[in-house]
mmCIF file of all heavy atoms, coordinates in Angstrom:
data_MODEL
# 
_entry.id   MODEL 
# 
loop_
_atom_site.group_PDB 
_atom_site.id 
_atom_site.type_symbol 
_atom_site.label_atom_id 
_atom_site.label_alt_id 
_atom_site.label_comp_id 
_atom_site.label_asym_id 
_atom_site.label_entity_id 
_atom_site.label_seq_id 
_atom_site.pdbx_PDB_ins_code 
_atom_site.Cartn_x 
_atom_site.Cartn_y 
_atom_site.Cartn_z 
_atom_site.occupancy 
_atom_site.B_iso_or_equiv 
_atom_site.pdbx_formal_charge 
_atom_site.auth_seq_id 
_atom_site.auth_comp_id 
_atom_site.auth_asym_id 
_atom_site.auth_atom_id 
_atom_site.pdbx_PDB_model_num 
ATOM 1   N N   . SER A 1 1  ? 150.358 54.507 118.424 1.00 0.00 ? 1  SER A N   1 
ATOM 2   C CA  . SER A 1 1  ? 151.639 53.956 118.873 1.00 0.00 ? 1  SER A CA  1 
ATOM 3   C C   . SER A 1 1  ? 151.760 52.460 118.631 1.00 0.00 ? 1  SER A C   1 
ATOM 4   O O   . SER A 1 1  ? 152.248 51.737 119.486 1.00 0.00 ? 1  SER A O   1 
ATOM 5   C CB  . SER A 1 1  ? 151.835 54.265 120.357 1.00 0.00 ? 1  SER A CB  1 
ATOM 6   O OG  . SER A 1 1  ? 150.738 53.777 121.117 1.00 0.00 ? 1  SER A OG  1 
ATOM 7   N N   . ASP A 1 2  ? 151.309 51.983 117.489 1.00 0.00 ? 2  ASP A N   1 
ATOM 8   C CA  . ASP A 1 2  ? 151.533 50.577 117.154 1.00 0.00 ? 2  ASP A CA  1 
ATOM 9   C C   . ASP A 1 2  ? 153.021 50.324 116.976 1.00 0.00 ? 2  ASP A C   1 
ATOM 10  O O   . ASP A 1 2  ? 153.738 51.145 116.397 1.00 0.00 ? 2  ASP A O   1 
ATOM 11  C CB  . ASP A 1 2  ? 150.814 50.198 115.854 1.00 0.00 ? 2  ASP A CB  1 
ATOM 12  C CG  . ASP A 1 2  ? 149.302 50.180 116.010 1.00 0.00 ? 2  ASP A CG  1 
ATOM 13  O OD1 . ASP A 1 2  ? 148.826 50.394 117.134 1.00 0.00 ? 2  ASP A OD1 1 
ATOM 14  O OD2 . ASP A 1 2  ? 148.612 49.965 115.000 1.00 0.00 ? 2  ASP A OD2 1 
ATOM 15  N N   . VAL A 1 3  ? 153.482 49.176 117.436 1.00 0.00 ? 3  VAL A N   1 
ATOM 16  C CA  . VAL A 1 3  ? 154.851 48.736 117.157 1.00 0.00 ? 3  VAL A CA  1 
ATOM 17  C C   . VAL A 1 3  ? 154.883 47.932 115.870 1.00 0.00 ? 3  VAL A C   1 
ATOM 18  O O   . VAL A 1 3  ? 155.793 48.048 115.059 1.00 0.00 ? 3  VAL A O   1 
ATOM 19  C CB  . VAL A 1 3  ? 155.403 47.889 118.324 1.00 0.00 ? 3  VAL A CB  1 
ATOM 20  C CG1 . VAL A 1 3  ? 156.795 47.350 118.000 1.00 0.00 ? 3  VAL A CG1 1 
ATOM 21  C CG2 . VAL A 1 3  ? 155.432 48.708 119.602 1.00 0.00 ? 3  VAL A CG2 1 
ATOM 22  N N   . CYS A 1 4  ? 153.839 47.133 115.649 1.00 0.00 ? 4  CYS A N   1 
ATOM 23  C CA  . CYS A 1 4  ? 153.798 46.249 114.480 1.00 0.00 ? 4  CYS A CA  1 
ATOM 24  C C   . CYS A 1 4  ? 152.352 45.986 114.099 1.00 0.00 ? 4  CYS A C   1 
ATOM 25  O O   . CYS A 1 4  ? 151.533 45.630 114.959 1.00 0.00 ? 4  CYS A O   1 
ATOM 26  C CB  . CYS A 1 4  ? 154.516 44.937 114.801 1.00 0.00 ? 4  CYS A CB  1 
ATOM 27  S SG  . CYS A 1 4  ? 154.488 43.733 113.464 1.00 0.00 ? 4  CYS A SG  1 
ATOM 28  N N   . ALA A 1 5  ? 152.032 46.144 112.832 1.00 0.00 ? 5  ALA A N   1 
ATOM 29  C CA  . ALA A 1 5  ? 150.671 45.880 112.347 1.00 0.00 ? 5  ALA A CA  1 
ATOM 30  C C   . ALA A 1 5  ? 150.667 44.797 111.271 1.00 0.00 ? 5  ALA A C   1 
ATOM 31  O O   . ALA A 1 5  ? 149.700 44.658 110.526 1.00 0.00 ? 5  ALA A O   1 
ATOM 32  C CB  . ALA A 1 5  ? 150.045 47.159 111.810 1.00 0.00 ? 5  ALA A CB  1 
ATOM 33  N N   . VAL A 1 6  ? 151.752 44.032 111.176 1.00 0.00 ? 6  VAL A N   1 
ATOM 34  C CA  . VAL A 1 6  ? 151.854 43.011 110.132 1.00 0.00 ? 6  VAL A CA  1 
ATOM 35  C C   . VAL A 1 6  ? 150.758 41.951 110.241 1.00 0.00 ? 6  VAL A C   1 
ATOM 36  O O   . VAL A 1 6  ? 150.176 41.554 109.227 1.00 0.00 ? 6  VAL A O   1 
ATOM 37  C CB  . VAL A 1 6  ? 153.261 42.358 110.149 1.00 0.00 ? 6  VAL A CB  1 
ATOM 38  C CG1 . VAL A 1 6  ? 153.344 41.219 109.140 1.00 0.00 ? 6  VAL A CG1 1 
ATOM 39  C CG2 . VAL A 1 6  ? 154.322 43.407 109.846 1.00 0.00 ? 6  VAL A CG2 1 
ATOM 40  N N   . PRO A 1 7  ? 150.426 41.442 111.451 1.00 0.00 ? 7  PRO A N   1 
ATOM 41  C CA  . PRO A 1 7  ? 149.356 40.432 111.526 1.00 0.00 ? 7  PRO A CA  1 
ATOM 42  C C   . PRO A 1 7  ? 148.036 40.912 110.932 1.00 0.00 ? 7  PRO A C   1 
ATOM 43  O O   . PRO A 1 7  ? 147.373 40.171 110.202 1.00 0.00 ? 7  PRO A O   1 
ATOM 44  C CB  . PRO A 1 7  ? 149.245 40.164 113.031 1.00 0.00 ? 7  PRO A CB  1 
ATOM 45  C CG  . PRO A 1 7  ? 150.613 40.458 113.562 1.00 0.00 ? 7  PRO A CG  1 
ATOM 46  C CD  . PRO A 1 7  ? 151.072 41.636 112.764 1.00 0.00 ? 7  PRO A CD  1 
ATOM 47  N N   . ALA A 1 8  ? 147.666 42.148 111.231 1.00 0.00 ? 8  ALA A N   1 
ATOM 48  C CA  . ALA A 1 8  ? 146.432 42.695 110.669 1.00 0.00 ? 8  ALA A CA  1 
ATOM 49  C C   . ALA A 1 8  ? 146.547 42.910 109.165 1.00 0.00 ? 8  ALA A C   1 
ATOM 50  O O   . ALA A 1 8  ? 145.561 42.757 108.430 1.00 0.00 ? 8  ALA A O   1 
ATOM 51  C CB  . ALA A 1 8  ? 146.083 44.010 111.359 1.00 0.00 ? 8  ALA A CB  1 
ATOM 52  N N   . ALA A 1 9  ? 147.745 43.251 108.690 1.00 0.00 ? 9  ALA A N   1 
ATOM 53  C CA  . ALA A 1 9  ? 147.947 43.455 107.259 1.00 0.00 ? 9  ALA A CA  1 
ATOM 54  C C   . ALA A 1 9  ? 147.631 42.195 106.473 1.00 0.00 ? 9  ALA A C   1 
ATOM 55  O O   . ALA A 1 9  ? 147.158 42.262 105.332 1.00 0.00 ? 9  ALA A O   1 
ATOM 56  C CB  . ALA A 1 9  ? 149.384 43.904 106.987 1.00 0.00 ? 9  ALA A CB  1 
ATOM 57  N N   . GLY A 1 10 ? 147.906 41.024 107.070 1.00 0.00 ? 10 GLY A N   1 
ATOM 58  C CA  . GLY A 1 10 ? 147.577 39.773 106.393 1.00 0.00 ? 10 GLY A CA  1 
ATOM 59  C C   . GLY A 1 10 ? 146.092 39.633 106.144 1.00 0.00 ? 10 GLY A C   1 
ATOM 60  O O   . GLY A 1 10 ? 145.668 39.155 105.083 1.00 0.00 ? 10 GLY A O   1 
ATOM 61  N N   . VAL A 1 11 ? 145.285 40.065 107.108 1.00 0.00 ? 11 VAL A N   1 
ATOM 62  C CA  . VAL A 1 11 ? 143.828 39.985 106.950 1.00 0.00 ? 11 VAL A CA  1 
ATOM 63  C C   . VAL A 1 11 ? 143.369 40.926 105.842 1.00 0.00 ? 11 VAL A C   1 
ATOM 64  O O   . VAL A 1 11 ? 142.510 40.572 105.018 1.00 0.00 ? 11 VAL A O   1 
ATOM 65  C CB  . VAL A 1 11 ? 143.127 40.315 108.281 1.00 0.00 ? 11 VAL A CB  1 
ATOM 66  C CG1 . VAL A 1 11 ? 141.606 40.292 108.115 1.00 0.00 ? 11 VAL A CG1 1 
ATOM 67  C CG2 . VAL A 1 11 ? 143.552 39.322 109.366 1.00 0.00 ? 11 VAL A CG2 1 
ATOM 68  N N   . VAL A 1 12 ? 143.944 42.124 105.789 1.00 0.00 ? 12 VAL A N   1 
ATOM 69  C CA  . VAL A 1 12 ? 143.587 43.070 104.721 1.00 0.00 ? 12 VAL A CA  1 
ATOM 70  C C   . VAL A 1 12 ? 144.036 42.531 103.368 1.00 0.00 ? 12 VAL A C   1 
ATOM 71  O O   . VAL A 1 12 ? 143.311 42.639 102.361 1.00 0.00 ? 12 VAL A O   1 
ATOM 72  C CB  . VAL A 1 12 ? 144.221 44.451 104.996 1.00 0.00 ? 12 VAL A CB  1 
ATOM 73  C CG1 . VAL A 1 12 ? 143.895 45.415 103.857 1.00 0.00 ? 12 VAL A CG1 1 
ATOM 74  C CG2 . VAL A 1 12 ? 143.729 45.007 106.319 1.00 0.00 ? 12 VAL A CG2 1 
ATOM 75  N N   . ALA A 1 13 ? 145.222 41.924 103.320 1.00 0.00 ? 13 ALA A N   1 
ATOM 76  C CA  . ALA A 1 13 ? 145.704 41.337 102.067 1.00 0.00 ? 13 ALA A CA  1 
ATOM 77  C C   . ALA A 1 13 ? 144.766 40.235 101.591 1.00 0.00 ? 13 ALA A C   1 
ATOM 78  O O   . ALA A 1 13 ? 144.529 40.083 100.381 1.00 0.00 ? 13 ALA A O   1 
ATOM 79  C CB  . ALA A 1 13 ? 147.119 40.796 102.245 1.00 0.00 ? 13 ALA A CB  1 
ATOM 80  N N   . GLU A 1 14 ? 144.225 39.457 102.520 1.00 0.00 ? 14 GLU A N   1 
ATOM 81  C CA  . GLU A 1 14 ? 143.219 38.442 102.163 1.00 0.00 ? 14 GLU A CA  1 
ATOM 82  C C   . GLU A 1 14 ? 142.065 39.076 101.395 1.00 0.00 ? 14 GLU A C   1 
ATOM 83  O O   . GLU A 1 14 ? 141.604 38.544 100.378 1.00 0.00 ? 14 GLU A O   1 
ATOM 84  C CB  . GLU A 1 14 ? 142.627 37.806 103.423 1.00 0.00 ? 14 GLU A CB  1 
ATOM 85  C CG  . GLU A 1 14 ? 143.370 36.674 104.041 1.00 0.00 ? 14 GLU A CG  1 
ATOM 86  C CD  . GLU A 1 14 ? 142.613 36.119 105.236 1.00 0.00 ? 14 GLU A CD  1 
ATOM 87  O OE1 . GLU A 1 14 ? 141.355 36.113 105.195 1.00 0.00 ? 14 GLU A OE1 1 
ATOM 88  O OE2 . GLU A 1 14 ? 143.251 35.707 106.210 1.00 0.00 ? 14 GLU A OE2 1 
ATOM 89  N N   . GLN A 1 15 ? 141.579 40.203 101.921 1.00 0.00 ? 15 GLN A N   1 
ATOM 90  C CA  . GLN A 1 15 ? 140.420 40.845 101.305 1.00 0.00 ? 15 GLN A CA  1 
ATOM 91  C C   . GLN A 1 15 ? 140.720 41.273 99.871  1.00 0.00 ? 15 GLN A C   1 
ATOM 92  O O   . GLN A 1 15 ? 139.912 41.067 98.955  1.00 0.00 ? 15 GLN A O   1 
ATOM 93  C CB  . GLN A 1 15 ? 139.979 42.066 102.123 1.00 0.00 ? 15 GLN A CB  1 
ATOM 94  C CG  . GLN A 1 15 ? 139.956 41.896 103.627 1.00 0.00 ? 15 GLN A CG  1 
ATOM 95  C CD  . GLN A 1 15 ? 139.102 40.742 104.106 1.00 0.00 ? 15 GLN A CD  1 
ATOM 96  O OE1 . GLN A 1 15 ? 138.206 40.275 103.420 1.00 0.00 ? 15 GLN A OE1 1 
ATOM 97  N NE2 . GLN A 1 15 ? 139.388 40.263 105.314 1.00 0.00 ? 15 GLN A NE2 1 
ATOM 98  N N   . MET A 1 16 ? 141.910 41.868 99.666  1.00 0.00 ? 16 MET A N   1 
ATOM 99  C CA  . MET A 1 16 ? 142.241 42.367 98.336  1.00 0.00 ? 16 MET A CA  1 
ATOM 100 C C   . MET A 1 16 ? 142.442 41.226 97.340  1.00 0.00 ? 16 MET A C   1 
ATOM 101 O O   . MET A 1 16 ? 142.034 41.319 96.172  1.00 0.00 ? 16 MET A O   1 
ATOM 102 C CB  . MET A 1 16 ? 143.472 43.258 98.389  1.00 0.00 ? 16 MET A CB  1 
ATOM 103 C CG  . MET A 1 16 ? 143.303 44.513 99.245  1.00 0.00 ? 16 MET A CG  1 
ATOM 104 S SD  . MET A 1 16 ? 141.813 45.476 98.858  1.00 0.00 ? 16 MET A SD  1 
ATOM 105 C CE  . MET A 1 16 ? 142.155 45.985 97.171  1.00 0.00 ? 16 MET A CE  1 
ATOM 106 N N   . VAL A 1 17 ? 143.058 40.141 97.792  1.00 0.00 ? 17 VAL A N   1 
ATOM 107 C CA  . VAL A 1 17 ? 143.235 38.977 96.912  1.00 0.00 ? 17 VAL A CA  1 
ATOM 108 C C   . VAL A 1 17 ? 141.877 38.361 96.590  1.00 0.00 ? 17 VAL A C   1 
ATOM 109 O O   . VAL A 1 17 ? 141.602 37.977 95.436  1.00 0.00 ? 17 VAL A O   1 
ATOM 110 C CB  . VAL A 1 17 ? 144.174 37.945 97.562  1.00 0.00 ? 17 VAL A CB  1 
ATOM 111 C CG1 . VAL A 1 17 ? 144.163 36.632 96.787  1.00 0.00 ? 17 VAL A CG1 1 
ATOM 112 C CG2 . VAL A 1 17 ? 145.595 38.504 97.631  1.00 0.00 ? 17 VAL A CG2 1 
ATOM 113 N N   . ALA A 1 18 ? 141.004 38.267 97.589  1.00 0.00 ? 18 ALA A N   1 
ATOM 114 C CA  . ALA A 1 18 ? 139.667 37.714 97.361  1.00 0.00 ? 18 ALA A CA  1 
ATOM 115 C C   . ALA A 1 18 ? 138.886 38.550 96.356  1.00 0.00 ? 18 ALA A C   1 
ATOM 116 O O   . ALA A 1 18 ? 138.171 38.009 95.500  1.00 0.00 ? 18 ALA A O   1 
ATOM 117 C CB  . ALA A 1 18 ? 138.902 37.629 98.684  1.00 0.00 ? 18 ALA A CB  1 
ATOM 118 N N   . ILE A 1 19 ? 139.030 39.864 96.439  1.00 0.00 ? 19 ILE A N   1 
ATOM 119 C CA  . ILE A 1 19 ? 138.315 40.747 95.513  1.00 0.00 ? 19 ILE A CA  1 
ATOM 120 C C   . ILE A 1 19 ? 138.775 40.502 94.077  1.00 0.00 ? 19 ILE A C   1 
ATOM 121 O O   . ILE A 1 19 ? 137.957 40.378 93.155  1.00 0.00 ? 19 ILE A O   1 
ATOM 122 C CB  . ILE A 1 19 ? 138.521 42.220 95.922  1.00 0.00 ? 19 ILE A CB  1 
ATOM 123 C CG1 . ILE A 1 19 ? 137.744 42.513 97.203  1.00 0.00 ? 19 ILE A CG1 1 
ATOM 124 C CG2 . ILE A 1 19 ? 138.089 43.170 94.800  1.00 0.00 ? 19 ILE A CG2 1 
ATOM 125 C CD1 . ILE A 1 19 ? 138.129 43.814 97.878  1.00 0.00 ? 19 ILE A CD1 1 
ATOM 126 N N   . VAL A 1 20 ? 140.091 40.421 93.859  1.00 0.00 ? 20 VAL A N   1 
ATOM 127 C CA  . VAL A 1 20 ? 140.604 40.177 92.508  1.00 0.00 ? 20 VAL A CA  1 
ATOM 128 C C   . VAL A 1 20 ? 140.149 38.813 92.004  1.00 0.00 ? 20 VAL A C   1 
ATOM 129 O O   . VAL A 1 20 ? 139.721 38.677 90.848  1.00 0.00 ? 20 VAL A O   1 
ATOM 130 C CB  . VAL A 1 20 ? 142.145 40.274 92.492  1.00 0.00 ? 20 VAL A CB  1 
ATOM 131 C CG1 . VAL A 1 20 ? 142.703 39.820 91.139  1.00 0.00 ? 20 VAL A CG1 1 
ATOM 132 C CG2 . VAL A 1 20 ? 142.590 41.704 92.787  1.00 0.00 ? 20 VAL A CG2 1 
ATOM 133 N N   . ALA A 1 21 ? 140.224 37.790 92.844  1.00 0.00 ? 21 ALA A N   1 
ATOM 134 C CA  . ALA A 1 21 ? 139.789 36.445 92.433  1.00 0.00 ? 21 ALA A CA  1 
ATOM 135 C C   . ALA A 1 21 ? 138.312 36.440 92.069  1.00 0.00 ? 21 ALA A C   1 
ATOM 136 O O   . ALA A 1 21 ? 137.910 35.842 91.053  1.00 0.00 ? 21 ALA A O   1 
ATOM 137 C CB  . ALA A 1 21 ? 140.068 35.441 93.544  1.00 0.00 ? 21 ALA A CB  1 
ATOM 138 N N   . ALA A 1 22 ? 137.489 37.114 92.874  1.00 0.00 ? 22 ALA A N   1 
ATOM 139 C CA  . ALA A 1 22 ? 136.055 37.171 92.582  1.00 0.00 ? 22 ALA A CA  1 
ATOM 140 C C   . ALA A 1 22 ? 135.788 37.921 91.282  1.00 0.00 ? 22 ALA A C   1 
ATOM 141 O O   . ALA A 1 22 ? 134.935 37.512 90.474  1.00 0.00 ? 22 ALA A O   1 
ATOM 142 C CB  . ALA A 1 22 ? 135.317 37.841 93.744  1.00 0.00 ? 22 ALA A CB  1 
ATOM 143 N N   . GLN A 1 23 ? 136.492 39.004 91.055  1.00 0.00 ? 23 GLN A N   1 
ATOM 144 C CA  . GLN A 1 23 ? 136.313 39.763 89.814  1.00 0.00 ? 23 GLN A CA  1 
ATOM 145 C C   . GLN A 1 23 ? 136.657 38.923 88.591  1.00 0.00 ? 23 GLN A C   1 
ATOM 146 O O   . GLN A 1 23 ? 135.938 38.938 87.586  1.00 0.00 ? 23 GLN A O   1 
ATOM 147 C CB  . GLN A 1 23 ? 137.168 41.023 89.847  1.00 0.00 ? 23 GLN A CB  1 
ATOM 148 C CG  . GLN A 1 23 ? 136.672 42.090 90.809  1.00 0.00 ? 23 GLN A CG  1 
ATOM 149 C CD  . GLN A 1 23 ? 137.631 43.249 90.941  1.00 0.00 ? 23 GLN A CD  1 
ATOM 150 O OE1 . GLN A 1 23 ? 138.846 43.093 90.801  1.00 0.00 ? 23 GLN A OE1 1 
ATOM 151 N NE2 . GLN A 1 23 ? 137.109 44.440 91.207  1.00 0.00 ? 23 GLN A NE2 1 
ATOM 152 N N   . GLU A 1 24 ? 137.768 38.202 88.667  1.00 0.00 ? 24 GLU A N   1 
ATOM 153 C CA  . GLU A 1 24 ? 138.170 37.389 87.518  1.00 0.00 ? 24 GLU A CA  1 
ATOM 154 C C   . GLU A 1 24 ? 137.228 36.206 87.304  1.00 0.00 ? 24 GLU A C   1 
ATOM 155 O O   . GLU A 1 24 ? 136.974 35.807 86.164  1.00 0.00 ? 24 GLU A O   1 
ATOM 156 C CB  . GLU A 1 24 ? 139.613 36.912 87.692  1.00 0.00 ? 24 GLU A CB  1 
ATOM 157 C CG  . GLU A 1 24 ? 140.633 38.028 87.571  1.00 0.00 ? 24 GLU A CG  1 
ATOM 158 C CD  . GLU A 1 24 ? 140.543 38.771 86.236  1.00 0.00 ? 24 GLU A CD  1 
ATOM 159 O OE1 . GLU A 1 24 ? 140.327 38.119 85.188  1.00 0.00 ? 24 GLU A OE1 1 
ATOM 160 O OE2 . GLU A 1 24 ? 140.679 40.006 86.238  1.00 0.00 ? 24 GLU A OE2 1 
ATOM 161 N N   . LEU A 1 25 ? 136.701 35.657 88.377  1.00 0.00 ? 25 LEU A N   1 
ATOM 162 C CA  . LEU A 1 25 ? 135.689 34.601 88.230  1.00 0.00 ? 25 LEU A CA  1 
ATOM 163 C C   . LEU A 1 25 ? 134.435 35.151 87.552  1.00 0.00 ? 25 LEU A C   1 
ATOM 164 O O   . LEU A 1 25 ? 133.876 34.518 86.647  1.00 0.00 ? 25 LEU A O   1 
ATOM 165 C CB  . LEU A 1 25 ? 135.333 34.025 89.599  1.00 0.00 ? 25 LEU A CB  1 
ATOM 166 C CG  . LEU A 1 25 ? 136.316 33.016 90.191  1.00 0.00 ? 25 LEU A CG  1 
ATOM 167 C CD1 . LEU A 1 25 ? 136.055 32.831 91.681  1.00 0.00 ? 25 LEU A CD1 1 
ATOM 168 C CD2 . LEU A 1 25 ? 136.202 31.667 89.467  1.00 0.00 ? 25 LEU A CD2 1 
ATOM 169 N N   . GLN A 1 26 ? 134.007 36.330 87.973  1.00 0.00 ? 26 GLN A N   1 
ATOM 170 C CA  . GLN A 1 26 ? 132.823 36.924 87.357  1.00 0.00 ? 26 GLN A CA  1 
ATOM 171 C C   . GLN A 1 26 ? 133.077 37.305 85.904  1.00 0.00 ? 26 GLN A C   1 
ATOM 172 O O   . GLN A 1 26 ? 132.189 37.156 85.056  1.00 0.00 ? 26 GLN A O   1 
ATOM 173 C CB  . GLN A 1 26 ? 132.394 38.162 88.145  1.00 0.00 ? 26 GLN A CB  1 
ATOM 174 C CG  . GLN A 1 26 ? 131.715 37.857 89.463  1.00 0.00 ? 26 GLN A CG  1 
ATOM 175 C CD  . GLN A 1 26 ? 131.197 39.128 90.108  1.00 0.00 ? 26 GLN A CD  1 
ATOM 176 O OE1 . GLN A 1 26 ? 131.968 39.996 90.502  1.00 0.00 ? 26 GLN A OE1 1 
ATOM 177 N NE2 . GLN A 1 26 ? 129.887 39.254 90.197  1.00 0.00 ? 26 GLN A NE2 1 
ATOM 178 N N   . ARG A 1 27 ? 134.270 37.776 85.614  1.00 0.00 ? 27 ARG A N   1 
ATOM 179 C CA  . ARG A 1 27 ? 134.596 38.140 84.235  1.00 0.00 ? 27 ARG A CA  1 
ATOM 180 C C   . ARG A 1 27 ? 134.456 36.924 83.317  1.00 0.00 ? 27 ARG A C   1 
ATOM 181 O O   . ARG A 1 27 ? 133.979 37.040 82.187  1.00 0.00 ? 27 ARG A O   1 
ATOM 182 C CB  . ARG A 1 27 ? 136.012 38.701 84.160  1.00 0.00 ? 27 ARG A CB  1 
ATOM 183 C CG  . ARG A 1 27 ? 136.360 39.351 82.813  1.00 0.00 ? 27 ARG A CG  1 
ATOM 184 C CD  . ARG A 1 27 ? 137.858 39.527 82.645  1.00 0.00 ? 27 ARG A CD  1 
ATOM 185 N NE  . ARG A 1 27 ? 138.476 40.309 83.681  1.00 0.00 ? 27 ARG A NE  1 
ATOM 186 C CZ  . ARG A 1 27 ? 138.637 41.637 83.646  1.00 0.00 ? 27 ARG A CZ  1 
ATOM 187 N NH1 . ARG A 1 27 ? 138.185 42.318 82.612  1.00 0.00 ? 27 ARG A NH1 1 
ATOM 188 N NH2 . ARG A 1 27 ? 139.258 42.267 84.633  1.00 0.00 ? 27 ARG A NH2 1 
ATOM 189 N N   . LYS A 1 28 ? 134.887 35.769 83.815  1.00 0.00 ? 28 LYS A N   1 
ATOM 190 C CA  . LYS A 1 28 ? 134.867 34.564 82.985  1.00 0.00 ? 28 LYS A CA  1 
ATOM 191 C C   . LYS A 1 28 ? 133.506 33.875 82.972  1.00 0.00 ? 28 LYS A C   1 
ATOM 192 O O   . LYS A 1 28 ? 133.078 33.348 81.939  1.00 0.00 ? 28 LYS A O   1 
ATOM 193 C CB  . LYS A 1 28 ? 135.943 33.586 83.469  1.00 0.00 ? 28 LYS A CB  1 
ATOM 194 C CG  . LYS A 1 28 ? 136.062 32.329 82.609  1.00 0.00 ? 28 LYS A CG  1 
ATOM 195 C CD  . LYS A 1 28 ? 137.327 31.573 82.892  1.00 0.00 ? 28 LYS A CD  1 
ATOM 196 C CE  . LYS A 1 28 ? 137.434 30.321 82.020  1.00 0.00 ? 28 LYS A CE  1 
ATOM 197 N NZ  . LYS A 1 28 ? 137.435 30.655 80.572  1.00 0.00 ? 28 LYS A NZ  1 
ATOM 198 N N   . PHE A 1 29 ? 132.815 33.887 84.113  1.00 0.00 ? 29 PHE A N   1 
ATOM 199 C CA  . PHE A 1 29 ? 131.624 33.043 84.227  1.00 0.00 ? 29 PHE A CA  1 
ATOM 200 C C   . PHE A 1 29 ? 130.308 33.808 84.343  1.00 0.00 ? 29 PHE A C   1 
ATOM 201 O O   . PHE A 1 29 ? 129.243 33.210 84.195  1.00 0.00 ? 29 PHE A O   1 
ATOM 202 C CB  . PHE A 1 29 ? 131.768 32.101 85.430  1.00 0.00 ? 29 PHE A CB  1 
ATOM 203 C CG  . PHE A 1 29 ? 132.949 31.182 85.318  1.00 0.00 ? 29 PHE A CG  1 
ATOM 204 C CD1 . PHE A 1 29 ? 134.064 31.359 86.113  1.00 0.00 ? 29 PHE A CD1 1 
ATOM 205 C CD2 . PHE A 1 29 ? 132.946 30.155 84.384  1.00 0.00 ? 29 PHE A CD2 1 
ATOM 206 C CE1 . PHE A 1 29 ? 135.168 30.519 85.998  1.00 0.00 ? 29 PHE A CE1 1 
ATOM 207 C CE2 . PHE A 1 29 ? 134.042 29.306 84.257  1.00 0.00 ? 29 PHE A CE2 1 
ATOM 208 C CZ  . PHE A 1 29 ? 135.148 29.494 85.070  1.00 0.00 ? 29 PHE A CZ  1 
# 
């Protein structure tokens, strides 16, 4: 019965962006 999960979604979005950034850094370096 959550009314809103947007605050937590930001934390999950952080993880996904960090993963892509780390992958691209590893691809290059």
